[in-house]
Amino acid sequence: MIVALATFLAALFASLLLPTAAHAAEGDPFTVSGNVQLDGDPLEGVSLTIDGPGGAQEVETNEEGRWSVKVPEKGVEYTVTLHEDTLPEGIAVIEDADEDGAANVTTAEMGAGGRLAVNFFIGEGERNVTSFFDQFLQRLFIGLNFGLMLGLAAVGLSLVFGTTGISNFAHAEMVTFGAIAALFLVGPASLALPVWVGIPAAIILSALLGLALDAAIWRPLRRKGVGAVQLMILSIGLSLALRYVFQYSIGGGTQQLPPMVPTVSIPLFGAVSTTLNDLVSMGISLVVIIGFAIWLTKSRLGKATRAISDNPSLAAASGIDVDHVVRVVWIISGALAGLAGILYAYYRPGIRWDMGAQVLLLVFAAVTLGGLGTAFGALVGAIVIGLLVEVSSLWIPADLRYAGALVVLIIILLVRPQGILGRRERIG
C-alpha cells in the first residue's frame, strides 16, 4: 500500500507540478474574486471592472457565475464595478446604477490574508431585508455544517493524540492532501473520473498517507523512545515541508472541484435557505460520524483503541497489540482528515495549498475544548467551535471570527480546564 501511495504522489506531481508552477510565477500574488447570481443561479458573461493598485482590469463571469483577477497588493482598497448593460435583458440590480451607468459599485479593503471576495446578487430591483432572527438561524445552520466538517478532522487528531501522545501539526496537511487527491482524480484537467468514483478513491489515498507516515516516521521514532516534545517539533517541520510541496505542485491560486450535486438552492423556513451541496455534505458527515461512533463503542478494535487511550501500558499488559491498533488509528485518522478536506473544499469553496493550515488552530481548539484524547469530546468541541465561528460573524468582522472562537475557548478552559468531556486529573 505504501508503494501504491508513492506511485500516486509521483503521478500527482508529474501532472500538476510544471504547468501550475509556471502559471503561478507569471501573475500577481493576491486575488480579488466573487460570483454573480440571479436568484441563486449563476450568470455567465457579466462584465466587471476591478480598479486599484496596478490599474483597472476587466473580467467576465464564467459558466458558474464566478470571476477572479490577480492584483499586486494587499491591505489596500479595491473598487469592483458590475456593468448593468451586460446583464440579461429585463434583469435589474438591487442597488441603483451610478452616473456612469455601472451598477453595484463596491469598494472594499483586502485583508492581510491576500484575498478579497465581492459577490453580486441580482434580483427585481428591490431590496429584501432579512430579519436578525432569520440571519441568526441561517448562521446556526451554516455553523453546524462547518462544525461537522471540523469534527471529522478533530476526531482523527484526537485519536492519534490519545493513542500515541503526538500533537500532530501535520494533520493540517493530511486535510489538504484529501482535497488535492480529489482534484487530481476528478478535476477536468487531470483524470476527470466521475465524482462518485474519484472522491472515495481520494479518501482511500488519504488513509494510505496516514499509514505511510506511521510506517516511515512515527513508528520508528516511537520504538526509539523519542519524547512527545521532539515528536511535536518534528510534526511542525513535516507540516511546513508538505505545505510547500503542495504549493509547488498546484500553485498559489484557488482551484475548484466539480460539483458533487447540481447547484440548487433549497428554502428551509422563512428567509433561511441552504443548498443541496450543503445538505449532502452534512449528510455524509453525520453518516461517517455515526459509523465511527458505532465502531469505537461496539467493535473489538474500537474498544482496544479506547483502552490504549486510557492506559497504554495496562492495555499492552492485557494482551492488546498496541502497534496494530495504532496503525489502524493512523489509517482512520488519514481517511477522516481527507474527507474533511474534500468537504471543506466544497464549503470554502475551492482548494488552496494552505487550506488545512487555515483551520488547524480551530481543529486543535476543538480537541482541547472537548477534552484531550477523547474522540467524542473532539466532536462536541468542533460543533461548538463551528457554531461560534459562524454566529459571531453577526457582530464582529468576518476576518476576526476565528479569533473570536479562540477567545471563547480560553474563557471556557479557565472555567473547566479538562474540557467539556475530559476527566479532571490529579496533579502531584
Protein backbone atom coordinates (compact mmCIF):
# COMPACT_ATOMS: atom_id res chain seq x y z
CA MET A 1 0.00 0.00 0.00
CA ILE A 2 2.90 2.33 0.68
CA VAL A 3 4.21 1.63 -2.83
CA ALA A 4 0.77 2.50 -4.23
CA LEU A 5 0.76 5.78 -2.34
CA ALA A 6 4.26 6.63 -3.59
CA THR A 7 3.15 5.88 -7.17
CA PHE A 8 0.14 8.19 -6.76
CA LEU A 9 2.29 11.01 -5.38
CA ALA A 10 4.70 10.69 -8.30
CA ALA A 11 1.82 10.81 -10.79
CA LEU A 12 0.25 13.76 -8.97
CA PHE A 13 3.42 15.84 -9.06
CA ALA A 14 4.19 14.88 -12.66
CA SER A 15 0.75 16.00 -13.87
CA LEU A 16 0.28 19.14 -11.77
CA LEU A 17 3.78 20.33 -10.96
CA LEU A 18 5.18 22.01 -14.03
CA PRO A 19 2.19 23.75 -15.64
CA THR A 20 0.78 25.17 -12.42
CA ALA A 21 4.09 26.33 -11.03
CA ALA A 22 4.81 28.27 -14.21
CA HIS A 23 1.36 29.85 -14.13
CA ALA A 24 1.74 30.96 -10.51
CA ALA A 25 5.05 32.63 -11.30
CA GLU A 26 3.56 34.78 -14.06
CA GLY A 27 0.82 36.68 -12.21
CA ASP A 28 0.41 38.88 -9.19
CA PRO A 29 0.27 37.13 -5.82
CA PHE A 30 -3.12 38.27 -4.44
CA THR A 31 -6.70 37.63 -5.57
CA VAL A 32 -9.96 39.56 -5.87
CA SER A 33 -12.80 37.21 -6.74
CA GLY A 34 -16.52 36.63 -6.38
CA ASN A 35 -19.63 35.49 -8.17
CA VAL A 36 -22.75 36.94 -9.77
CA GLN A 37 -26.08 35.20 -9.20
CA LEU A 38 -29.70 35.69 -10.18
CA ASP A 39 -31.98 34.21 -7.52
CA GLY A 40 -29.27 31.72 -6.60
CA ASP A 41 -28.48 30.76 -10.23
CA PRO A 42 -25.12 31.75 -11.79
CA LEU A 43 -24.97 34.41 -14.52
CA GLU A 44 -22.42 33.92 -17.29
CA GLY A 45 -20.81 36.66 -19.37
CA VAL A 46 -21.43 39.56 -16.96
CA SER A 47 -18.72 42.24 -17.24
CA LEU A 48 -16.95 43.72 -14.21
CA THR A 49 -14.15 46.22 -13.69
CA ILE A 50 -11.70 45.86 -10.79
CA ASP A 51 -9.79 49.06 -10.04
CA GLY A 52 -6.95 49.58 -7.59
CA PRO A 53 -3.15 49.33 -7.35
CA GLY A 54 -1.84 48.05 -10.66
CA GLY A 55 -4.63 49.69 -12.68
CA ALA A 56 -8.11 48.71 -13.83
CA GLN A 57 -8.84 45.17 -15.03
CA GLU A 58 -11.83 43.88 -17.00
CA VAL A 59 -13.21 40.42 -16.36
CA GLU A 60 -16.30 38.38 -17.26
CA THR A 61 -18.05 35.72 -15.23
CA ASN A 62 -17.68 32.10 -16.30
CA GLU A 63 -20.42 29.49 -16.70
CA GLU A 64 -20.56 29.07 -12.91
CA GLY A 65 -21.03 32.80 -12.39
CA ARG A 66 -17.54 33.16 -10.89
CA TRP A 67 -14.86 35.72 -11.69
CA SER A 68 -11.31 36.24 -10.41
CA VAL A 69 -8.36 38.57 -11.05
CA LYS A 70 -4.83 38.77 -9.68
CA VAL A 71 -3.69 42.01 -8.01
CA PRO A 72 -0.27 43.14 -6.74
CA GLU A 73 -1.00 44.46 -3.22
CA LYS A 74 -2.95 43.60 -0.06
CA GLY A 75 -4.10 45.84 2.78
CA VAL A 76 -5.49 48.38 0.28
CA GLU A 77 -8.91 49.17 -1.18
CA TYR A 78 -10.21 47.83 -4.47
CA THR A 79 -13.31 49.02 -6.32
CA VAL A 80 -15.40 46.40 -8.12
CA THR A 81 -17.97 47.64 -10.63
CA LEU A 82 -20.62 45.45 -12.23
CA HIS A 83 -21.85 46.82 -15.58
CA GLU A 84 -25.61 46.75 -15.86
CA ASP A 85 -25.63 46.77 -19.65
CA THR A 86 -24.05 43.29 -19.67
CA LEU A 87 -26.87 41.74 -17.64
CA PRO A 88 -29.58 39.72 -19.45
CA GLU A 89 -32.49 41.79 -20.75
CA GLY A 90 -35.16 42.57 -18.16
CA ILE A 91 -32.94 41.94 -15.15
CA ALA A 92 -32.11 44.77 -12.76
CA VAL A 93 -29.56 45.16 -10.00
CA ILE A 94 -30.64 45.58 -6.38
CA GLU A 95 -28.65 48.82 -5.94
CA ASP A 96 -29.18 51.86 -8.20
CA ALA A 97 -26.79 52.47 -11.07
CA ASP A 98 -24.20 55.21 -10.72
CA GLU A 99 -23.84 58.19 -13.06
CA ASP A 100 -21.67 56.21 -15.49
CA GLY A 101 -24.30 53.52 -15.98
CA ALA A 102 -22.49 50.89 -13.92
CA ALA A 103 -24.30 49.10 -11.11
CA ASN A 104 -23.36 47.84 -7.69
CA VAL A 105 -20.09 49.69 -7.26
CA THR A 106 -18.43 48.08 -4.24
CA THR A 107 -15.28 49.37 -2.56
CA ALA A 108 -13.63 47.05 -0.03
CA GLU A 109 -10.23 46.64 1.59
CA MET A 110 -8.26 43.45 1.10
CA GLY A 111 -7.17 42.00 4.45
CA ALA A 112 -3.86 40.52 5.47
CA GLY A 113 -4.83 37.14 4.01
CA GLY A 114 -4.35 38.43 0.46
CA ARG A 115 -7.85 37.53 -0.78
CA LEU A 116 -10.97 39.66 -1.24
CA ALA A 117 -14.40 38.30 -2.17
CA VAL A 118 -17.07 40.56 -3.68
CA ASN A 119 -20.39 38.95 -4.61
CA PHE A 120 -23.34 40.40 -6.51
CA PHE A 121 -26.85 39.05 -6.09
CA ILE A 122 -29.20 40.21 -8.82
CA GLY A 123 -32.96 40.48 -8.39
CA GLU A 124 -36.02 42.55 -9.11
CA GLY A 125 -34.53 45.92 -8.26
CA GLU A 126 -35.95 46.00 -4.74
CA ARG A 127 -34.14 45.16 -1.54
CA ASN A 128 -35.27 42.25 0.62
CA VAL A 129 -34.43 42.82 4.26
CA THR A 130 -33.66 39.71 6.32
CA SER A 131 -34.53 39.91 9.99
CA PHE A 132 -31.85 39.41 12.61
CA PHE A 133 -33.60 36.25 13.83
CA ASP A 134 -33.51 34.73 10.33
CA GLN A 135 -29.85 35.70 9.95
CA PHE A 136 -29.15 34.07 13.31
CA LEU A 137 -30.86 30.84 12.26
CA GLN A 138 -29.03 30.88 8.93
CA ARG A 139 -25.68 31.25 10.74
CA LEU A 140 -26.60 28.43 13.14
CA PHE A 141 -27.28 26.12 10.19
CA ILE A 142 -24.04 27.08 8.42
CA GLY A 143 -22.13 26.75 11.70
CA LEU A 144 -23.48 23.24 12.25
CA ASN A 145 -22.25 22.24 8.78
CA PHE A 146 -18.84 23.78 9.44
CA GLY A 147 -18.67 22.15 12.89
CA LEU A 148 -19.37 18.70 11.47
CA MET A 149 -16.53 19.15 8.95
CA LEU A 150 -14.19 20.28 11.72
CA GLY A 151 -15.38 17.30 13.74
CA LEU A 152 -14.16 14.82 11.11
CA ALA A 153 -10.65 16.30 11.29
CA ALA A 154 -10.71 16.78 15.08
CA VAL A 155 -11.75 13.19 15.80
CA GLY A 156 -8.79 11.84 13.81
CA LEU A 157 -6.38 14.22 15.53
CA SER A 158 -7.78 13.27 18.95
CA LEU A 159 -7.45 9.54 18.20
CA VAL A 160 -3.77 9.96 17.32
CA PHE A 161 -3.09 12.03 20.43
CA GLY A 162 -4.95 9.61 22.68
CA THR A 163 -3.12 6.51 21.45
CA THR A 164 0.37 7.91 20.78
CA GLY A 165 0.63 11.21 22.66
CA ILE A 166 1.63 13.04 19.43
CA SER A 167 0.34 16.58 18.88
CA ASN A 168 0.40 16.19 15.10
CA PHE A 169 0.65 19.61 13.45
CA ALA A 170 1.00 17.85 10.08
CA HIS A 171 -2.67 16.87 10.43
CA ALA A 172 -3.47 20.09 8.54
CA GLU A 173 -1.60 18.80 5.52
CA MET A 174 -3.46 15.48 5.73
CA VAL A 175 -6.63 17.57 5.37
CA THR A 176 -5.17 19.41 2.37
CA PHE A 177 -3.97 16.15 0.81
CA GLY A 178 -7.51 14.79 0.65
CA ALA A 179 -8.69 17.81 -1.35
CA ILE A 180 -5.66 17.73 -3.68
CA ALA A 181 -6.08 13.99 -4.26
CA ALA A 182 -9.72 14.60 -5.19
CA LEU A 183 -8.64 17.38 -7.55
CA PHE A 184 -6.18 15.03 -9.25
CA LEU A 185 -8.77 12.30 -9.63
CA VAL A 186 -11.92 14.24 -10.60
CA GLY A 187 -10.55 17.56 -11.89
CA PRO A 188 -11.23 18.28 -15.58
CA ALA A 189 -7.51 18.95 -16.19
CA SER A 190 -6.46 15.61 -14.65
CA LEU A 191 -8.05 12.15 -14.69
CA ALA A 192 -11.64 13.54 -14.78
CA LEU A 193 -13.13 10.49 -13.07
CA PRO A 194 -16.79 10.61 -12.02
CA VAL A 195 -17.20 12.30 -8.63
CA TRP A 196 -18.77 9.18 -7.08
CA VAL A 197 -15.63 7.23 -8.06
CA GLY A 198 -12.91 9.83 -7.53
CA ILE A 199 -13.91 11.07 -4.07
CA PRO A 200 -13.96 7.61 -2.41
CA ALA A 201 -10.62 6.90 -4.13
CA ALA A 202 -9.22 10.16 -2.70
CA ILE A 203 -10.33 9.10 0.79
CA ILE A 204 -8.57 5.74 0.34
CA LEU A 205 -5.39 7.55 -0.74
CA SER A 206 -5.65 9.77 2.35
CA ALA A 207 -5.89 6.65 4.51
CA LEU A 208 -2.79 5.27 2.78
CA LEU A 209 -0.99 8.55 3.53
CA GLY A 210 -1.74 8.07 7.23
CA LEU A 211 -0.42 4.52 7.07
CA ALA A 212 2.72 5.61 5.18
CA LEU A 213 3.51 8.40 7.66
CA ASP A 214 3.20 5.99 10.56
CA ALA A 215 5.32 3.31 8.91
CA ALA A 216 8.03 5.66 7.68
CA ILE A 217 8.25 8.20 10.53
CA TRP A 218 6.16 7.77 13.64
CA ARG A 219 6.51 4.04 14.38
CA PRO A 220 10.35 4.02 14.14
CA LEU A 221 10.50 7.09 16.38
CA ARG A 222 8.11 5.51 18.92
CA ARG A 223 10.30 2.41 19.08
CA LYS A 224 13.35 4.60 19.73
CA GLY A 225 11.55 6.19 22.68
CA VAL A 226 11.59 9.74 21.27
CA GLY A 227 9.78 12.14 23.61
CA ALA A 228 6.48 13.89 22.95
CA VAL A 229 8.06 17.34 22.63
CA GLN A 230 10.53 16.16 19.98
CA LEU A 231 7.72 14.44 18.09
CA MET A 232 5.64 17.63 18.17
CA ILE A 233 8.54 19.69 16.79
CA LEU A 234 9.08 17.09 14.07
CA SER A 235 5.40 17.29 13.13
CA ILE A 236 5.73 21.08 12.72
CA GLY A 237 8.66 20.59 10.35
CA LEU A 238 6.79 17.89 8.43
CA SER A 239 3.79 20.21 8.18
CA LEU A 240 5.87 23.02 6.66
CA ALA A 241 7.61 20.65 4.23
CA LEU A 242 4.35 19.12 2.96
CA ARG A 243 2.68 22.53 2.76
CA TYR A 244 5.27 23.93 0.38
CA VAL A 245 5.33 20.72 -1.65
CA PHE A 246 1.60 21.28 -2.16
CA GLN A 247 2.19 24.91 -3.14
CA TYR A 248 4.86 23.86 -5.62
CA SER A 249 2.59 21.21 -7.12
CA ILE A 250 -0.73 23.10 -7.51
CA GLY A 251 0.45 26.72 -7.35
CA GLY A 252 -0.70 29.58 -5.15
CA GLY A 253 -4.16 30.08 -6.65
CA THR A 254 -7.53 28.54 -5.87
CA GLN A 255 -8.84 25.59 -7.88
CA GLN A 256 -12.36 24.21 -7.89
CA LEU A 257 -13.68 20.66 -7.69
CA PRO A 258 -16.53 19.62 -10.00
CA PRO A 259 -19.88 19.87 -8.16
CA MET A 260 -20.97 16.80 -6.22
CA VAL A 261 -24.63 17.56 -6.93
CA PRO A 262 -26.49 20.14 -9.05
CA THR A 263 -26.31 23.74 -7.77
CA VAL A 264 -29.79 24.09 -6.27
CA SER A 265 -30.95 26.50 -3.58
CA ILE A 266 -33.38 24.90 -1.10
CA PRO A 267 -35.60 27.08 1.14
CA LEU A 268 -35.94 25.75 4.69
CA PHE A 269 -38.23 28.16 6.57
CA GLY A 270 -38.72 31.90 6.44
CA ALA A 271 -35.71 33.56 4.85
CA VAL A 272 -33.45 30.64 5.82
CA SER A 273 -32.22 28.57 2.90
CA THR A 274 -29.42 26.19 2.07
CA THR A 275 -28.00 24.41 -0.95
CA LEU A 276 -28.23 20.80 -2.00
CA ASN A 277 -24.43 20.63 -1.70
CA ASP A 278 -24.58 21.67 1.98
CA LEU A 279 -27.26 19.09 2.73
CA VAL A 280 -25.23 16.34 1.07
CA SER A 281 -22.12 17.45 2.97
CA MET A 282 -23.95 17.38 6.29
CA GLY A 283 -25.47 14.01 5.48
CA ILE A 284 -22.07 12.50 4.64
CA SER A 285 -20.56 13.93 7.83
CA LEU A 286 -23.37 12.58 10.01
CA VAL A 287 -23.26 9.09 8.44
CA VAL A 288 -19.47 8.87 8.86
CA ILE A 289 -19.57 10.17 12.45
CA ILE A 290 -22.35 7.74 13.44
CA GLY A 291 -20.47 4.86 11.79
CA PHE A 292 -17.29 5.85 13.60
CA ALA A 293 -19.14 6.05 16.94
CA ILE A 294 -20.54 2.54 16.46
CA TRP A 295 -17.07 1.23 15.56
CA LEU A 296 -15.46 2.89 18.57
CA THR A 297 -18.01 1.69 21.10
CA LYS A 298 -19.09 -1.71 19.74
CA SER A 299 -16.21 -3.29 17.84
CA ARG A 300 -13.35 -5.16 19.48
CA LEU A 301 -10.78 -2.94 17.78
CA GLY A 302 -12.63 0.20 18.85
CA LYS A 303 -12.70 -0.94 22.46
CA ALA A 304 -8.97 -1.68 22.25
CA THR A 305 -8.41 1.85 20.93
CA ARG A 306 -10.25 3.32 23.92
CA ALA A 307 -8.29 1.10 26.27
CA ILE A 308 -4.97 2.32 24.82
CA SER A 309 -6.14 5.93 25.13
CA ASP A 310 -6.93 5.34 28.81
CA ASN A 311 -3.74 3.48 29.74
CA PRO A 312 -1.32 2.23 27.05
CA SER A 313 0.87 0.24 29.45
CA LEU A 314 -2.08 -1.58 31.02
CA ALA A 315 -3.57 -2.25 27.58
CA ALA A 316 -0.28 -3.79 26.38
CA ALA A 317 -0.02 -5.89 29.56
CA SER A 318 -3.54 -7.23 28.98
CA GLY A 319 -2.55 -8.63 25.58
CA ILE A 320 -3.64 -5.84 23.21
CA ASP A 321 -1.36 -5.43 20.16
CA VAL A 322 -0.69 -1.72 20.61
CA ASP A 323 1.29 -1.34 17.37
CA HIS A 324 -1.53 -2.87 15.33
CA VAL A 325 -4.16 -0.64 16.94
CA VAL A 326 -2.04 2.50 16.43
CA ARG A 327 -1.55 1.55 12.78
CA VAL A 328 -5.33 1.31 12.33
CA VAL A 329 -5.77 4.63 14.14
CA TRP A 330 -3.41 6.34 11.67
CA ILE A 331 -5.35 4.86 8.74
CA ILE A 332 -8.68 6.09 10.16
CA SER A 333 -7.19 9.47 11.02
CA GLY A 334 -5.91 9.90 7.46
CA ALA A 335 -9.25 8.89 5.95
CA LEU A 336 -11.24 11.26 8.19
CA ALA A 337 -8.81 14.12 7.51
CA GLY A 338 -9.03 13.51 3.75
CA LEU A 339 -12.83 13.50 3.84
CA ALA A 340 -12.80 16.70 5.90
CA GLY A 341 -10.53 18.33 3.31
CA ILE A 342 -12.83 17.36 0.43
CA LEU A 343 -15.94 18.68 2.19
CA TYR A 344 -14.08 21.84 3.20
CA ALA A 345 -13.10 22.39 -0.45
CA TYR A 346 -16.81 22.48 -1.31
CA TYR A 347 -17.62 24.64 1.72
CA ARG A 348 -14.98 27.39 1.10
CA PRO A 349 -15.34 26.84 -1.92
CA GLY A 350 -12.04 25.93 -3.61
CA ILE A 351 -8.71 24.19 -2.99
CA ARG A 352 -5.58 26.02 -1.86
CA TRP A 353 -2.17 24.72 -0.86
CA ASP A 354 -2.62 26.10 2.69
CA MET A 355 -6.30 25.35 3.25
CA GLY A 356 -5.62 22.85 6.03
CA ALA A 357 -3.38 25.29 7.87
CA GLN A 358 -6.20 27.86 7.82
CA VAL A 359 -8.33 25.67 10.12
CA LEU A 360 -5.59 23.86 12.07
CA LEU A 361 -5.92 26.08 15.15
CA LEU A 362 -9.68 25.56 15.11
CA VAL A 363 -9.17 21.79 14.99
CA PHE A 364 -6.75 21.94 17.92
CA ALA A 365 -9.19 24.22 19.74
CA ALA A 366 -11.96 21.67 19.21
CA VAL A 367 -9.80 18.84 20.57
CA THR A 368 -8.77 20.92 23.59
CA LEU A 369 -12.27 22.21 24.25
CA GLY A 370 -13.81 18.75 24.09
CA GLY A 371 -11.10 17.15 26.24
CA LEU A 372 -7.67 15.93 25.17
CA GLY A 373 -7.64 12.36 23.90
CA THR A 374 -11.43 11.91 23.86
CA ALA A 375 -12.85 11.35 20.39
CA PHE A 376 -16.43 12.23 21.32
CA GLY A 377 -15.19 15.30 23.16
CA ALA A 378 -13.39 16.41 19.98
CA LEU A 379 -16.67 16.11 18.05
CA VAL A 380 -18.59 18.15 20.63
CA GLY A 381 -15.82 20.74 20.74
CA ALA A 382 -15.79 21.00 16.94
CA ILE A 383 -19.53 21.64 16.76
CA VAL A 384 -19.25 24.32 19.47
CA ILE A 385 -16.35 25.98 17.64
CA GLY A 386 -18.17 25.81 14.28
CA LEU A 387 -21.28 27.45 15.72
CA LEU A 388 -19.25 30.16 17.48
CA VAL A 389 -17.27 30.96 14.33
CA GLU A 390 -20.34 31.46 12.14
CA VAL A 391 -22.70 33.09 14.65
CA SER A 392 -20.05 35.53 15.87
CA SER A 393 -19.82 37.00 12.35
CA LEU A 394 -23.17 38.70 13.05
CA TRP A 395 -21.38 41.03 15.48
CA ILE A 396 -17.70 41.06 14.53
CA PRO A 397 -15.93 41.37 11.14
CA ALA A 398 -15.67 38.10 9.24
CA ASP A 399 -11.86 38.32 9.28
CA LEU A 400 -11.92 38.14 13.10
CA ARG A 401 -14.41 35.31 13.55
CA TYR A 402 -11.73 32.64 14.06
CA ALA A 403 -10.08 34.78 16.73
CA GLY A 404 -13.42 35.18 18.49
CA ALA A 405 -13.83 31.41 18.72
CA LEU A 406 -10.35 31.06 20.25
CA VAL A 407 -11.13 33.75 22.84
CA VAL A 408 -14.23 31.78 23.89
CA LEU A 409 -12.03 28.67 24.10
CA ILE A 410 -9.74 30.42 26.57
CA ILE A 411 -12.68 31.54 28.69
CA ILE A 412 -14.22 28.05 28.80
CA LEU A 413 -10.91 26.42 29.73
CA LEU A 414 -10.45 28.91 32.58
CA VAL A 415 -13.72 27.57 33.99
CA ARG A 416 -13.22 23.88 33.06
CA PRO A 417 -9.53 23.16 32.28
CA GLN A 418 -10.10 19.49 31.41
CA GLY A 419 -12.52 20.37 28.61
CA ILE A 420 -16.17 19.51 28.13
CA LEU A 421 -15.88 15.70 28.25
CA GLY A 422 -12.35 15.43 29.69
CA ARG A 423 -11.63 13.98 33.10
CA ARG A 424 -10.10 16.07 35.85
CA GLU A 425 -6.58 14.81 36.56
CA ARG A 426 -4.80 14.98 39.83
CA ILE A 427 -1.52 16.92 39.83
CA GLY A 428 1.21 15.90 42.27
